[in-house]
Amino acid sequence: MVENELAVLVEIRRIVSQELDWPAEVEPSHHLMKDLQLDSMGLTVLAVELENHFRIRLSMEDSVGVNTVGDLMRLVAAKAAEEPRAAAGGAS
């Protein structure tokens, strides 16, 4: 799972840098709103991009307790680990 989390971190860094114009390095300890200064629109862009890249669905319930980049990494990695089985079954 650690390598899955690393892949998620790489994608979060890409999105925050390219899509949200964040000029600095993104670390797992960064708070999404306080440190990265993401507002609701920025959080939505980040969530949608992660959903599209990892082919997952994130719900409002999933976001409870997600405050830092590390929290988001773990959530997306866990969702991505669940989803391939469901996606593989319906991808014929």
Protein backbone atom coordinates (compact mmCIF):
# COMPACT_ATOMS: atom_id res chain seq x y z
CA MET A 1 0.00 0.00 0.00
CA VAL A 2 2.93 2.33 0.56
CA GLU A 3 3.72 2.43 -3.16
CA ASN A 4 0.05 3.19 -3.88
CA GLU A 5 0.24 6.13 -1.48
CA LEU A 6 3.40 7.34 -3.23
CA ALA A 7 1.62 7.22 -6.60
CA VAL A 8 -1.22 9.25 -5.10
CA LEU A 9 1.23 11.81 -3.68
CA VAL A 10 2.86 12.20 -7.10
CA GLU A 11 -0.55 12.84 -8.66
CA ILE A 12 -1.61 15.26 -5.90
CA ARG A 13 1.63 17.18 -6.47
CA ARG A 14 0.97 17.32 -10.22
CA ILE A 15 -2.60 18.53 -9.81
CA VAL A 16 -1.76 21.14 -7.20
CA SER A 17 1.15 22.42 -9.27
CA GLN A 18 -0.37 22.34 -12.77
CA GLU A 19 -4.10 22.75 -12.19
CA LEU A 20 -4.07 24.93 -9.07
CA ASP A 21 -0.84 26.88 -9.70
CA TRP A 22 0.76 26.09 -6.32
CA PRO A 23 4.42 27.13 -6.61
CA ALA A 24 5.95 25.14 -3.73
CA GLU A 25 6.55 21.47 -2.91
CA VAL A 26 3.55 19.59 -1.48
CA GLU A 27 4.23 17.35 1.52
CA PRO A 28 1.97 14.79 3.26
CA SER A 29 1.95 16.94 6.42
CA HIS A 30 0.48 19.95 4.60
CA HIS A 31 -3.05 20.93 5.58
CA LEU A 32 -5.18 21.17 2.45
CA MET A 33 -6.86 24.47 3.36
CA LYS A 34 -4.42 26.12 5.77
CA ASP A 35 -1.09 25.28 4.12
CA LEU A 36 -2.11 24.87 0.46
CA GLN A 37 -4.80 27.57 0.73
CA LEU A 38 -7.34 25.46 -1.15
CA ASP A 39 -10.90 26.78 -1.12
CA SER A 40 -13.99 24.76 -2.01
CA MET A 41 -13.29 25.15 -5.74
CA GLY A 42 -9.67 24.02 -5.34
CA LEU A 43 -10.72 21.04 -3.25
CA THR A 44 -13.30 20.12 -5.88
CA VAL A 45 -10.74 20.33 -8.69
CA LEU A 46 -8.34 18.17 -6.68
CA ALA A 47 -11.04 15.58 -5.90
CA VAL A 48 -12.33 15.37 -9.48
CA GLU A 49 -8.82 15.06 -10.93
CA LEU A 50 -7.98 12.28 -8.45
CA GLU A 51 -11.25 10.50 -9.24
CA ASN A 52 -10.54 10.65 -12.96
CA HIS A 53 -6.90 9.58 -12.67
CA PHE A 54 -7.46 6.68 -10.28
CA ARG A 55 -10.96 5.79 -11.57
CA ILE A 56 -12.55 6.03 -8.12
CA ARG A 57 -15.53 7.80 -6.54
CA LEU A 58 -15.08 10.06 -3.52
CA SER A 59 -18.17 10.95 -1.50
CA MET A 60 -18.85 13.63 1.08
CA GLU A 61 -18.75 10.89 3.72
CA ASP A 62 -15.24 9.96 2.54
CA SER A 63 -14.04 13.51 3.12
CA VAL A 64 -14.84 13.47 6.85
CA GLY A 65 -11.54 13.58 8.68
CA VAL A 66 -9.50 14.40 5.57
CA ASN A 67 -7.50 17.49 6.49
CA THR A 68 -3.97 16.90 5.26
CA VAL A 69 -2.36 15.71 2.04
CA GLY A 70 -1.42 12.51 3.93
CA ASP A 71 -5.07 11.91 4.87
CA LEU A 72 -6.07 12.34 1.23
CA MET A 73 -3.25 10.05 0.05
CA ARG A 74 -4.41 7.24 2.35
CA LEU A 75 -8.07 7.68 1.36
CA VAL A 76 -7.39 7.64 -2.39
CA ALA A 77 -4.96 4.70 -2.11
CA ALA A 78 -7.56 2.71 -0.14
CA LYS A 79 -10.31 3.55 -2.64
CA ALA A 80 -8.05 2.67 -5.58
CA ALA A 81 -7.23 -0.67 -3.96
CA GLU A 82 -10.99 -1.45 -3.74
CA GLU A 83 -12.04 -0.16 -7.16
CA PRO A 84 -10.04 -2.32 -9.63
CA ARG A 85 -12.06 -5.38 -8.66
CA ALA A 86 -15.35 -3.60 -9.30
CA ALA A 87 -14.09 -1.92 -12.48
CA ALA A 88 -12.63 -5.18 -13.85
CA GLY A 89 -15.97 -6.93 -13.45
CA GLY A 90 -17.84 -4.33 -15.46
CA ALA A 91 -15.20 -3.59 -18.08
CA SER A 92 -16.00 -6.34 -20.57
